[in-house]
């Protein structure tokens, strides 16, 4: 496994820690029988937090991994990014030949 420390790695880890804490809180809410509205509101906050983490990871990946791979002519990184985005957003984006 390679080391992927980027400028925003610490921020990503901090945000993930907060999201984990919030998710644990939502679990307790469900265990305590709190209202569905409260649980859904907090679940939406967790999803938003995770989406923001994903944005940071994508930004760092493009600004560092993809830029460096592009300089080296490594197209595999772009293929992997497209695949990761496909999984993230749940659709299939096909790479068009000729896009560099």
PDB file of N, CA and C in Angstrom:
ATOM      1  N   UNK A   1       0.841  -1.173   0.000  1.00  0.00           N
ATOM      2  CA  UNK A   1       0.000   0.000   0.000  1.00  0.00           C
ATOM      3  C   UNK A   1       0.885   1.236   0.000  1.00  0.00           C
ATOM      4  N   UNK A   2       0.623   2.159  -0.901  1.00  0.00           N
ATOM      5  CA  UNK A   2       1.443   3.355  -0.986  1.00  0.00           C
ATOM      6  C   UNK A   2       0.940   4.432  -0.032  1.00  0.00           C
ATOM      7  N   UNK A   3       1.818   5.353   0.280  1.00  0.00           N
ATOM      8  CA  UNK A   3       1.519   6.430   1.202  1.00  0.00           C
ATOM      9  C   UNK A   3       0.906   7.589   0.430  1.00  0.00           C
ATOM     10  N   UNK A   4      -0.315   7.966   0.778  1.00  0.00           N
ATOM     11  CA  UNK A   4      -1.009   9.052   0.086  1.00  0.00           C
ATOM     12  C   UNK A   4      -1.274  10.204   1.038  1.00  0.00           C
ATOM     13  N   UNK A   5      -0.236  10.849   1.485  1.00  0.00           N
ATOM     14  CA  UNK A   5      -0.397  12.031   2.315  1.00  0.00           C
ATOM     15  C   UNK A   5      -0.444  13.257   1.427  1.00  0.00           C
ATOM     16  N   UNK A   6      -1.528  13.970   1.519  1.00  0.00           N
ATOM     17  CA  UNK A   6      -1.728  15.179   0.734  1.00  0.00           C
ATOM     18  C   UNK A   6      -1.932  16.348   1.691  1.00  0.00           C
ATOM     19  N   UNK A   7      -1.931  17.558   1.165  1.00  0.00           N
ATOM     20  CA  UNK A   7      -2.089  18.727   2.032  1.00  0.00           C
ATOM     21  C   UNK A   7      -3.343  18.676   2.916  1.00  0.00           C
ATOM     22  N   UNK A   8      -4.393  18.065   2.439  1.00  0.00           N
ATOM     23  CA  UNK A   8      -5.642  18.053   3.200  1.00  0.00           C
ATOM     24  C   UNK A   8      -5.875  16.745   3.963  1.00  0.00           C
ATOM     25  N   UNK A   9      -4.877  15.877   4.053  1.00  0.00           N
ATOM     26  CA  UNK A   9      -5.051  14.592   4.739  1.00  0.00           C
ATOM     27  C   UNK A   9      -5.506  14.762   6.180  1.00  0.00           C
ATOM     28  N   UNK A  10      -4.904  15.696   6.910  1.00  0.00           N
ATOM     29  CA  UNK A  10      -5.286  15.917   8.304  1.00  0.00           C
ATOM     30  C   UNK A  10      -6.735  16.380   8.401  1.00  0.00           C
ATOM     31  N   UNK A  11      -7.145  17.265   7.501  1.00  0.00           N
ATOM     32  CA  UNK A  11      -8.532  17.747   7.483  1.00  0.00           C
ATOM     33  C   UNK A  11      -9.496  16.606   7.162  1.00  0.00           C
ATOM     34  N   UNK A  12      -9.119  15.740   6.231  1.00  0.00           N
ATOM     35  CA  UNK A  12      -9.948  14.576   5.891  1.00  0.00           C
ATOM     36  C   UNK A  12     -10.129  13.695   7.125  1.00  0.00           C
ATOM     37  N   UNK A  13      -9.041  13.416   7.821  1.00  0.00           N
ATOM     38  CA  UNK A  13      -9.100  12.561   9.012  1.00  0.00           C
ATOM     39  C   UNK A  13      -9.952  13.210  10.098  1.00  0.00           C
ATOM     40  N   UNK A  14      -9.793  14.509  10.305  1.00  0.00           N
ATOM     41  CA  UNK A  14     -10.602  15.213  11.307  1.00  0.00           C
ATOM     42  C   UNK A  14     -12.090  15.165  10.967  1.00  0.00           C
ATOM     43  N   UNK A  15     -12.402  15.392   9.714  1.00  0.00           N
ATOM     44  CA  UNK A  15     -13.810  15.368   9.296  1.00  0.00           C
ATOM     45  C   UNK A  15     -14.397  13.959   9.420  1.00  0.00           C
ATOM     46  N   UNK A  16     -13.593  12.949   9.085  1.00  0.00           N
ATOM     47  CA  UNK A  16     -14.068  11.569   9.243  1.00  0.00           C
ATOM     48  C   UNK A  16     -14.335  11.251  10.708  1.00  0.00           C
ATOM     49  N   UNK A  17     -13.479  11.718  11.590  1.00  0.00           N
ATOM     50  CA  UNK A  17     -13.678  11.494  13.020  1.00  0.00           C
ATOM     51  C   UNK A  17     -14.979  12.129  13.495  1.00  0.00           C
ATOM     52  N   UNK A  18     -15.240  13.344  13.028  1.00  0.00           N
ATOM     53  CA  UNK A  18     -16.498  14.012  13.413  1.00  0.00           C
ATOM     54  C   UNK A  18     -17.704  13.271  12.843  1.00  0.00           C
ATOM     55  N   UNK A  19     -17.597  12.802  11.601  1.00  0.00           N
ATOM     56  CA  UNK A  19     -18.707  12.065  10.989  1.00  0.00           C
ATOM     57  C   UNK A  19     -18.970  10.765  11.736  1.00  0.00           C
ATOM     58  N   UNK A  20     -17.906  10.081  12.150  1.00  0.00           N
ATOM     59  CA  UNK A  20     -18.050   8.840  12.922  1.00  0.00           C
ATOM     60  C   UNK A  20     -18.757   9.131  14.236  1.00  0.00           C
ATOM     61  N   UNK A  21     -18.354  10.194  14.903  1.00  0.00           N
ATOM     62  CA  UNK A  21     -19.000  10.575  16.159  1.00  0.00           C
ATOM     63  C   UNK A  21     -20.471  10.874  15.972  1.00  0.00           C
ATOM     64  N   UNK A  22     -20.782  11.596  14.916  1.00  0.00           N
ATOM     65  CA  UNK A  22     -22.181  11.930  14.638  1.00  0.00           C
ATOM     66  C   UNK A  22     -22.971  10.671  14.300  1.00  0.00           C
ATOM     67  N   UNK A  23     -22.380   9.748  13.538  1.00  0.00           N
ATOM     68  CA  UNK A  23     -23.063   8.505  13.184  1.00  0.00           C
ATOM     69  C   UNK A  23     -23.328   7.655  14.430  1.00  0.00           C
ATOM     70  N   UNK A  24     -22.364   7.613  15.338  1.00  0.00           N
ATOM     71  CA  UNK A  24     -22.578   6.898  16.595  1.00  0.00           C
ATOM     72  C   UNK A  24     -23.724   7.524  17.382  1.00  0.00           C
ATOM     73  N   UNK A  25     -23.827   8.841  17.332  1.00  0.00           N
ATOM     74  CA  UNK A  25     -24.925   9.542  17.993  1.00  0.00           C
ATOM     75  C   UNK A  25     -26.269   9.174  17.361  1.00  0.00           C
ATOM     76  N   UNK A  26     -26.302   9.070  16.050  1.00  0.00           N
ATOM     77  CA  UNK A  26     -27.534   8.682  15.351  1.00  0.00           C
ATOM     78  C   UNK A  26     -27.927   7.258  15.748  1.00  0.00           C
ATOM     79  N   UNK A  27     -26.958   6.385  15.863  1.00  0.00           N
ATOM     80  CA  UNK A  27     -27.239   5.009  16.295  1.00  0.00           C
ATOM     81  C   UNK A  27     -27.875   5.002  17.681  1.00  0.00           C
ATOM     82  N   UNK A  28     -27.308   5.804  18.595  1.00  0.00           N
ATOM     83  CA  UNK A  28     -27.889   5.896  19.947  1.00  0.00           C
ATOM     84  C   UNK A  28     -29.313   6.433  19.901  1.00  0.00           C
ATOM     85  N   UNK A  29     -29.534   7.404  19.023  1.00  0.00           N
ATOM     86  CA  UNK A  29     -30.885   7.967  18.875  1.00  0.00           C
ATOM     87  C   UNK A  29     -31.867   6.864  18.472  1.00  0.00           C
ATOM     88  N   UNK A  30     -31.455   6.024  17.531  1.00  0.00           N
ATOM     89  CA  UNK A  30     -32.320   4.931  17.078  1.00  0.00           C
ATOM     90  C   UNK A  30     -32.551   3.931  18.206  1.00  0.00           C
ATOM     91  N   UNK A  31     -31.490   3.624  18.956  1.00  0.00           N
ATOM     92  CA  UNK A  31     -31.616   2.694  20.082  1.00  0.00           C
ATOM     93  C   UNK A  31     -32.542   3.238  21.166  1.00  0.00           C
ATOM     94  N   UNK A  32     -32.547   4.550  21.340  1.00  0.00           N
ATOM     95  CA  UNK A  32     -33.385   5.193  22.354  1.00  0.00           C
ATOM     96  C   UNK A  32     -34.814   5.441  21.885  1.00  0.00           C
ATOM     97  N   UNK A  33     -35.071   5.144  20.615  1.00  0.00           N
ATOM     98  CA  UNK A  33     -36.416   5.330  20.091  1.00  0.00           C
ATOM     99  C   UNK A  33     -36.767   6.774  19.779  1.00  0.00           C
ATOM    100  N   UNK A  34     -35.776   7.582  19.453  1.00  0.00           N
ATOM    101  CA  UNK A  34     -36.032   8.985  19.103  1.00  0.00           C
ATOM    102  C   UNK A  34     -36.865   9.059  17.839  1.00  0.00           C
ATOM    103  N   UNK A  35     -37.405  10.224  17.571  1.00  0.00           N
ATOM    104  CA  UNK A  35     -38.330  10.390  16.451  1.00  0.00           C
ATOM    105  C   UNK A  35     -37.618  10.145  15.112  1.00  0.00           C
ATOM    106  N   UNK A  36     -38.401   9.642  14.184  1.00  0.00           N
ATOM    107  CA  UNK A  36     -37.876   9.380  12.832  1.00  0.00           C
ATOM    108  C   UNK A  36     -37.350  10.673  12.212  1.00  0.00           C
ATOM    109  N   UNK A  37     -38.030  11.777  12.451  1.00  0.00           N
ATOM    110  CA  UNK A  37     -37.608  13.062  11.903  1.00  0.00           C
ATOM    111  C   UNK A  37     -36.227  13.446  12.428  1.00  0.00           C
ATOM    112  N   UNK A  38     -36.026  13.281  13.722  1.00  0.00           N
ATOM    113  CA  UNK A  38     -34.715  13.600  14.306  1.00  0.00           C
ATOM    114  C   UNK A  38     -33.622  12.712  13.716  1.00  0.00           C
ATOM    115  N   UNK A  39     -33.922  11.430  13.591  1.00  0.00           N
ATOM    116  CA  UNK A  39     -32.945  10.486  13.053  1.00  0.00           C
ATOM    117  C   UNK A  39     -32.629  10.816  11.598  1.00  0.00           C
ATOM    118  N   UNK A  40     -33.641  11.095  10.805  1.00  0.00           N
ATOM    119  CA  UNK A  40     -33.417  11.436   9.394  1.00  0.00           C
ATOM    120  C   UNK A  40     -32.621  12.735   9.250  1.00  0.00           C
ATOM    121  N   UNK A  41     -32.911  13.705  10.093  1.00  0.00           N
ATOM    122  CA  UNK A  41     -32.180  14.976  10.046  1.00  0.00           C
ATOM    123  C   UNK A  41     -30.704  14.751  10.337  1.00  0.00           C
ATOM    124  N   UNK A  42     -30.415  13.962  11.356  1.00  0.00           N
ATOM    125  CA  UNK A  42     -29.020  13.699  11.712  1.00  0.00           C
ATOM    126  C   UNK A  42     -28.336  12.788  10.683  1.00  0.00           C
ATOM    127  N   UNK A  43     -29.095  11.865  10.104  1.00  0.00           N
ATOM    128  CA  UNK A  43     -28.543  11.014   9.051  1.00  0.00           C
ATOM    129  C   UNK A  43     -28.148  11.870   7.846  1.00  0.00           C
ATOM    130  N   UNK A  44     -28.988  12.840   7.511  1.00  0.00           N
ATOM    131  CA  UNK A  44     -28.663  13.749   6.410  1.00  0.00           C
ATOM    132  C   UNK A  44     -27.387  14.526   6.709  1.00  0.00           C
ATOM    133  N   UNK A  45     -27.186  14.896   7.962  1.00  0.00           N
ATOM    134  CA  UNK A  45     -25.966  15.613   8.344  1.00  0.00           C
ATOM    135  C   UNK A  45     -24.738  14.718   8.175  1.00  0.00           C
ATOM    136  N   UNK A  46     -24.871  13.444   8.516  1.00  0.00           N
ATOM    137  CA  UNK A  46     -23.758  12.500   8.342  1.00  0.00           C
ATOM    138  C   UNK A  46     -23.438  12.347   6.859  1.00  0.00           C
ATOM    139  N   UNK A  47     -24.457  12.188   6.039  1.00  0.00           N
ATOM    140  CA  UNK A  47     -24.256  12.043   4.597  1.00  0.00           C
ATOM    141  C   UNK A  47     -23.574  13.287   4.032  1.00  0.00           C
ATOM    142  N   UNK A  48     -24.015  14.460   4.459  1.00  0.00           N
ATOM    143  CA  UNK A  48     -23.403  15.701   4.008  1.00  0.00           C
ATOM    144  C   UNK A  48     -21.932  15.769   4.423  1.00  0.00           C
ATOM    145  N   UNK A  49     -21.649  15.361   5.652  1.00  0.00           N
ATOM    146  CA  UNK A  49     -20.263  15.370   6.137  1.00  0.00           C
ATOM    147  C   UNK A  49     -19.399  14.439   5.293  1.00  0.00           C
ATOM    148  N   UNK A  50     -19.905  13.255   4.975  1.00  0.00           N
ATOM    149  CA  UNK A  50     -19.149  12.305   4.159  1.00  0.00           C
ATOM    150  C   UNK A  50     -18.962  12.822   2.736  1.00  0.00           C
ATOM    151  N   UNK A  51     -19.985  13.478   2.195  1.00  0.00           N
ATOM    152  CA  UNK A  51     -19.842  14.065   0.859  1.00  0.00           C
ATOM    153  C   UNK A  51     -18.760  15.134   0.853  1.00  0.00           C
ATOM    154  N   UNK A  52     -18.688  15.924   1.919  1.00  0.00           N
ATOM    155  CA  UNK A  52     -17.649  16.950   1.995  1.00  0.00           C
ATOM    156  C   UNK A  52     -16.260  16.335   2.122  1.00  0.00           C
ATOM    157  N   UNK A  53     -16.151  15.222   2.842  1.00  0.00           N
ATOM    158  CA  UNK A  53     -14.876  14.504   2.912  1.00  0.00           C
ATOM    159  C   UNK A  53     -14.498  14.023   1.513  1.00  0.00           C
ATOM    160  N   UNK A  54     -15.453  13.464   0.808  1.00  0.00           N
ATOM    161  CA  UNK A  54     -15.187  12.965  -0.544  1.00  0.00           C
ATOM    162  C   UNK A  54     -14.702  14.080  -1.463  1.00  0.00           C
ATOM    163  N   UNK A  55     -15.286  15.262  -1.336  1.00  0.00           N
ATOM    164  CA  UNK A  55     -14.850  16.399  -2.150  1.00  0.00           C
ATOM    165  C   UNK A  55     -13.386  16.723  -1.885  1.00  0.00           C
ATOM    166  N   UNK A  56     -12.993  16.711  -0.619  1.00  0.00           N
ATOM    167  CA  UNK A  56     -11.588  16.980  -0.286  1.00  0.00           C
ATOM    168  C   UNK A  56     -10.661  15.919  -0.861  1.00  0.00           C
ATOM    169  N   UNK A  57     -11.072  14.660  -0.754  1.00  0.00           N
ATOM    170  CA  UNK A  57     -10.242  13.564  -1.275  1.00  0.00           C
ATOM    171  C   UNK A  57     -10.112  13.681  -2.788  1.00  0.00           C
ATOM    172  N   UNK A  58     -11.207  13.960  -3.469  1.00  0.00           N
ATOM    173  CA  UNK A  58     -11.162  14.109  -4.929  1.00  0.00           C
ATOM    174  C   UNK A  58     -10.264  15.285  -5.312  1.00  0.00           C
ATOM    175  N   UNK A  59     -10.408  16.396  -4.604  1.00  0.00           N
ATOM    176  CA  UNK A  59      -9.588  17.577  -4.893  1.00  0.00           C
ATOM    177  C   UNK A  59      -8.095  17.264  -4.740  1.00  0.00           C
ATOM    178  N   UNK A  60      -7.743  16.634  -3.622  1.00  0.00           N
ATOM    179  CA  UNK A  60      -6.349  16.267  -3.414  1.00  0.00           C
ATOM    180  C   UNK A  60      -5.869  15.270  -4.465  1.00  0.00           C
ATOM    181  N   UNK A  61      -6.706  14.308  -4.783  1.00  0.00           N
ATOM    182  CA  UNK A  61      -6.318  13.287  -5.758  1.00  0.00           C
ATOM    183  C   UNK A  61      -6.042  13.917  -7.127  1.00  0.00           C
ATOM    184  N   UNK A  62      -6.931  14.792  -7.553  1.00  0.00           N
ATOM    185  CA  UNK A  62      -6.746  15.433  -8.855  1.00  0.00           C
ATOM    186  C   UNK A  62      -5.518  16.338  -8.832  1.00  0.00           C
ATOM    187  N   UNK A  63      -5.387  17.135  -7.783  1.00  0.00           N
ATOM    188  CA  UNK A  63      -4.282  18.099  -7.710  1.00  0.00           C
ATOM    189  C   UNK A  63      -2.917  17.458  -7.530  1.00  0.00           C
ATOM    190  N   UNK A  64      -2.872  16.242  -7.050  1.00  0.00           N
ATOM    191  CA  UNK A  64      -1.584  15.612  -6.790  1.00  0.00           C
ATOM    192  C   UNK A  64      -1.393  14.343  -7.614  1.00  0.00           C
ATOM    193  N   UNK A  65      -2.188  13.322  -7.352  1.00  0.00           N
ATOM    194  CA  UNK A  65      -1.999  12.032  -8.037  1.00  0.00           C
ATOM    195  C   UNK A  65      -2.207  12.146  -9.546  1.00  0.00           C
ATOM    196  N   UNK A  66      -3.297  12.774  -9.949  1.00  0.00           N
ATOM    197  CA  UNK A  66      -3.610  12.857 -11.373  1.00  0.00           C
ATOM    198  C   UNK A  66      -2.621  13.779 -12.082  1.00  0.00           C
ATOM    199  N   UNK A  67      -2.284  14.903 -11.467  1.00  0.00           N
ATOM    200  CA  UNK A  67      -1.316  15.818 -12.082  1.00  0.00           C
ATOM    201  C   UNK A  67       0.028  15.127 -12.270  1.00  0.00           C
ATOM    202  N   UNK A  68       0.506  14.450 -11.229  1.00  0.00           N
ATOM    203  CA  UNK A  68       1.794  13.754 -11.332  1.00  0.00           C
ATOM    204  C   UNK A  68       1.741  12.637 -12.359  1.00  0.00           C
ATOM    205  N   UNK A  69       0.658  11.869 -12.360  1.00  0.00           N
ATOM    206  CA  UNK A  69       0.528  10.773 -13.324  1.00  0.00           C
ATOM    207  C   UNK A  69       0.480  11.314 -14.749  1.00  0.00           C
ATOM    208  N   UNK A  70      -0.175  12.442 -14.918  1.00  0.00           N
ATOM    209  CA  UNK A  70      -0.257  13.053 -16.242  1.00  0.00           C
ATOM    210  C   UNK A  70       1.122  13.461 -16.748  1.00  0.00           C
ATOM    211  N   UNK A  71       1.934  14.000 -15.851  1.00  0.00           N
ATOM    212  CA  UNK A  71       3.299  14.388 -16.222  1.00  0.00           C
ATOM    213  C   UNK A  71       4.117  13.176 -16.656  1.00  0.00           C
ATOM    214  N   UNK A  72       3.799  12.023 -16.070  1.00  0.00           N
ATOM    215  CA  UNK A  72       4.527  10.788 -16.379  1.00  0.00           C
ATOM    216  C   UNK A  72       3.872   9.985 -17.497  1.00  0.00           C
ATOM    217  N   UNK A  73       2.739  10.469 -18.017  1.00  0.00           N
ATOM    218  CA  UNK A  73       2.040   9.765 -19.080  1.00  0.00           C
ATOM    219  C   UNK A  73       1.283   8.535 -18.607  1.00  0.00           C
ATOM    220  N   UNK A  74       0.996   8.466 -17.319  1.00  0.00           N
ATOM    221  CA  UNK A  74       0.300   7.314 -16.726  1.00  0.00           C
ATOM    222  C   UNK A  74      -1.211   7.533 -16.792  1.00  0.00           C
ATOM    223  N   UNK A  75      -1.869   6.857 -17.729  1.00  0.00           N
ATOM    224  CA  UNK A  75      -3.313   7.008 -17.886  1.00  0.00           C
ATOM    225  C   UNK A  75      -4.100   6.117 -16.926  1.00  0.00           C
ATOM    226  N   UNK A  76      -3.451   5.173 -16.271  1.00  0.00           N
ATOM    227  CA  UNK A  76      -4.138   4.269 -15.345  1.00  0.00           C
ATOM    228  C   UNK A  76      -4.786   5.044 -14.200  1.00  0.00           C
ATOM    229  N   UNK A  77      -4.130   6.096 -13.729  1.00  0.00           N
ATOM    230  CA  UNK A  77      -4.664   6.898 -12.628  1.00  0.00           C
ATOM    231  C   UNK A  77      -5.988   7.537 -13.033  1.00  0.00           C
ATOM    232  N   UNK A  78      -6.072   7.991 -14.272  1.00  0.00           N
ATOM    233  CA  UNK A  78      -7.312   8.596 -14.756  1.00  0.00           C
ATOM    234  C   UNK A  78      -8.403   7.546 -14.850  1.00  0.00           C
ATOM    235  N   UNK A  79      -8.074   6.362 -15.342  1.00  0.00           N
ATOM    236  CA  UNK A  79      -9.053   5.274 -15.406  1.00  0.00           C
ATOM    237  C   UNK A  79      -9.572   4.938 -14.005  1.00  0.00           C
ATOM    238  N   UNK A  80      -8.662   4.881 -13.043  1.00  0.00           N
ATOM    239  CA  UNK A  80      -9.049   4.575 -11.660  1.00  0.00           C
ATOM    240  C   UNK A  80      -9.917   5.686 -11.073  1.00  0.00           C
ATOM    241  N   UNK A  81      -9.613   6.947 -11.399  1.00  0.00           N
ATOM    242  CA  UNK A  81     -10.429   8.067 -10.924  1.00  0.00           C
ATOM    243  C   UNK A  81     -11.843   7.977 -11.488  1.00  0.00           C
ATOM    244  N   UNK A  82     -11.938   7.693 -12.775  1.00  0.00           N
ATOM    245  CA  UNK A  82     -13.254   7.556 -13.399  1.00  0.00           C
ATOM    246  C   UNK A  82     -14.044   6.435 -12.738  1.00  0.00           C
ATOM    247  N   UNK A  83     -13.392   5.308 -12.488  1.00  0.00           N
ATOM    248  CA  UNK A  83     -14.049   4.185 -11.827  1.00  0.00           C
ATOM    249  C   UNK A  83     -14.512   4.567 -10.411  1.00  0.00           C
ATOM    250  N   UNK A  84     -13.663   5.259  -9.682  1.00  0.00           N
ATOM    251  CA  UNK A  84     -14.015   5.682  -8.320  1.00  0.00           C
ATOM    252  C   UNK A  84     -15.197   6.646  -8.337  1.00  0.00           C
ATOM    253  N   UNK A  85     -15.195   7.572  -9.279  1.00  0.00           N
ATOM    254  CA  UNK A  85     -16.315   8.520  -9.391  1.00  0.00           C
ATOM    255  C   UNK A  85     -17.590   7.781  -9.768  1.00  0.00           C
ATOM    256  N   UNK A  86     -17.472   6.802 -10.662  1.00  0.00           N
ATOM    257  CA  UNK A  86     -18.643   5.999 -11.018  1.00  0.00           C
ATOM    258  C   UNK A  86     -19.255   5.343  -9.780  1.00  0.00           C
ATOM    259  N   UNK A  87     -18.409   4.771  -8.940  1.00  0.00           N
ATOM    260  CA  UNK A  87     -18.902   4.146  -7.714  1.00  0.00           C
ATOM    261  C   UNK A  87     -19.492   5.184  -6.773  1.00  0.00           C
ATOM    262  N   UNK A  88     -18.848   6.320  -6.672  1.00  0.00           N
ATOM    263  CA  UNK A  88     -19.272   7.371  -5.753  1.00  0.00           C
ATOM    264  C   UNK A  88     -20.644   7.922  -6.120  1.00  0.00           C
ATOM    265  N   UNK A  89     -20.843   8.233  -7.401  1.00  0.00           N
ATOM    266  CA  UNK A  89     -22.112   8.842  -7.790  1.00  0.00           C
ATOM    267  C   UNK A  89     -23.136   7.827  -8.291  1.00  0.00           C
ATOM    268  N   UNK A  90     -22.709   6.589  -8.463  1.00  0.00           N
ATOM    269  CA  UNK A  90     -23.647   5.533  -8.814  1.00  0.00           C
ATOM    270  C   UNK A  90     -24.078   5.507 -10.259  1.00  0.00           C
ATOM    271  N   UNK A  91     -23.282   6.085 -11.130  1.00  0.00           N
ATOM    272  CA  UNK A  91     -23.576   5.997 -12.557  1.00  0.00           C
ATOM    273  C   UNK A  91     -22.298   5.591 -13.283  1.00  0.00           C
ATOM    274  N   UNK A  92     -22.442   5.305 -14.553  1.00  0.00           N
ATOM    275  CA  UNK A  92     -21.282   4.934 -15.334  1.00  0.00           C
ATOM    276  C   UNK A  92     -20.937   6.081 -16.282  1.00  0.00           C
ATOM    277  N   UNK A  93     -19.714   6.568 -16.147  1.00  0.00           N
ATOM    278  CA  UNK A  93     -19.187   7.581 -17.048  1.00  0.00           C
ATOM    279  C   UNK A  93     -18.117   6.898 -17.857  1.00  0.00           C
ATOM    280  N   UNK A  94     -18.324   6.851 -19.143  1.00  0.00           N
ATOM    281  CA  UNK A  94     -17.346   6.192 -20.010  1.00  0.00           C
ATOM    282  C   UNK A  94     -16.299   7.191 -20.440  1.00  0.00           C
ATOM    283  N   UNK A  95     -15.070   6.712 -20.437  1.00  0.00           N
ATOM    284  CA  UNK A  95     -13.955   7.569 -20.888  1.00  0.00           C
ATOM    285  C   UNK A  95     -14.014   7.669 -22.394  1.00  0.00           C
ATOM    286  N   UNK A  96     -13.964   8.875 -22.859  1.00  0.00           N
ATOM    287  CA  UNK A  96     -13.956   9.095 -24.305  1.00  0.00           C
ATOM    288  C   UNK A  96     -12.519   9.054 -24.786  1.00  0.00           C
ATOM    289  N   UNK A  97     -12.267   8.295 -25.825  1.00  0.00           N
ATOM    290  CA  UNK A  97     -10.920   8.239 -26.398  1.00  0.00           C
ATOM    291  C   UNK A  97     -10.560   9.620 -26.936  1.00  0.00           C
ATOM    292  N   UNK A  98      -9.328   9.961 -26.771  1.00  0.00           N
ATOM    293  CA  UNK A  98      -8.856  11.238 -27.284  1.00  0.00           C
ATOM    294  C   UNK A  98      -8.863  12.352 -26.264  1.00  0.00           C
ATOM    295  N   UNK A  99      -9.446  12.105 -25.093  1.00  0.00           N
ATOM    296  CA  UNK A  99      -9.417  13.142 -24.050  1.00  0.00           C
ATOM    297  C   UNK A  99      -8.119  12.981 -23.287  1.00  0.00           C
ATOM    298  N   UNK A 100      -7.362  14.047 -23.203  1.00  0.00           N
ATOM    299  CA  UNK A 100      -6.048  13.981 -22.532  1.00  0.00           C
ATOM    300  C   UNK A 100      -5.956  15.022 -21.473  1.00  0.00           C
TER     301      UNK A 100
END
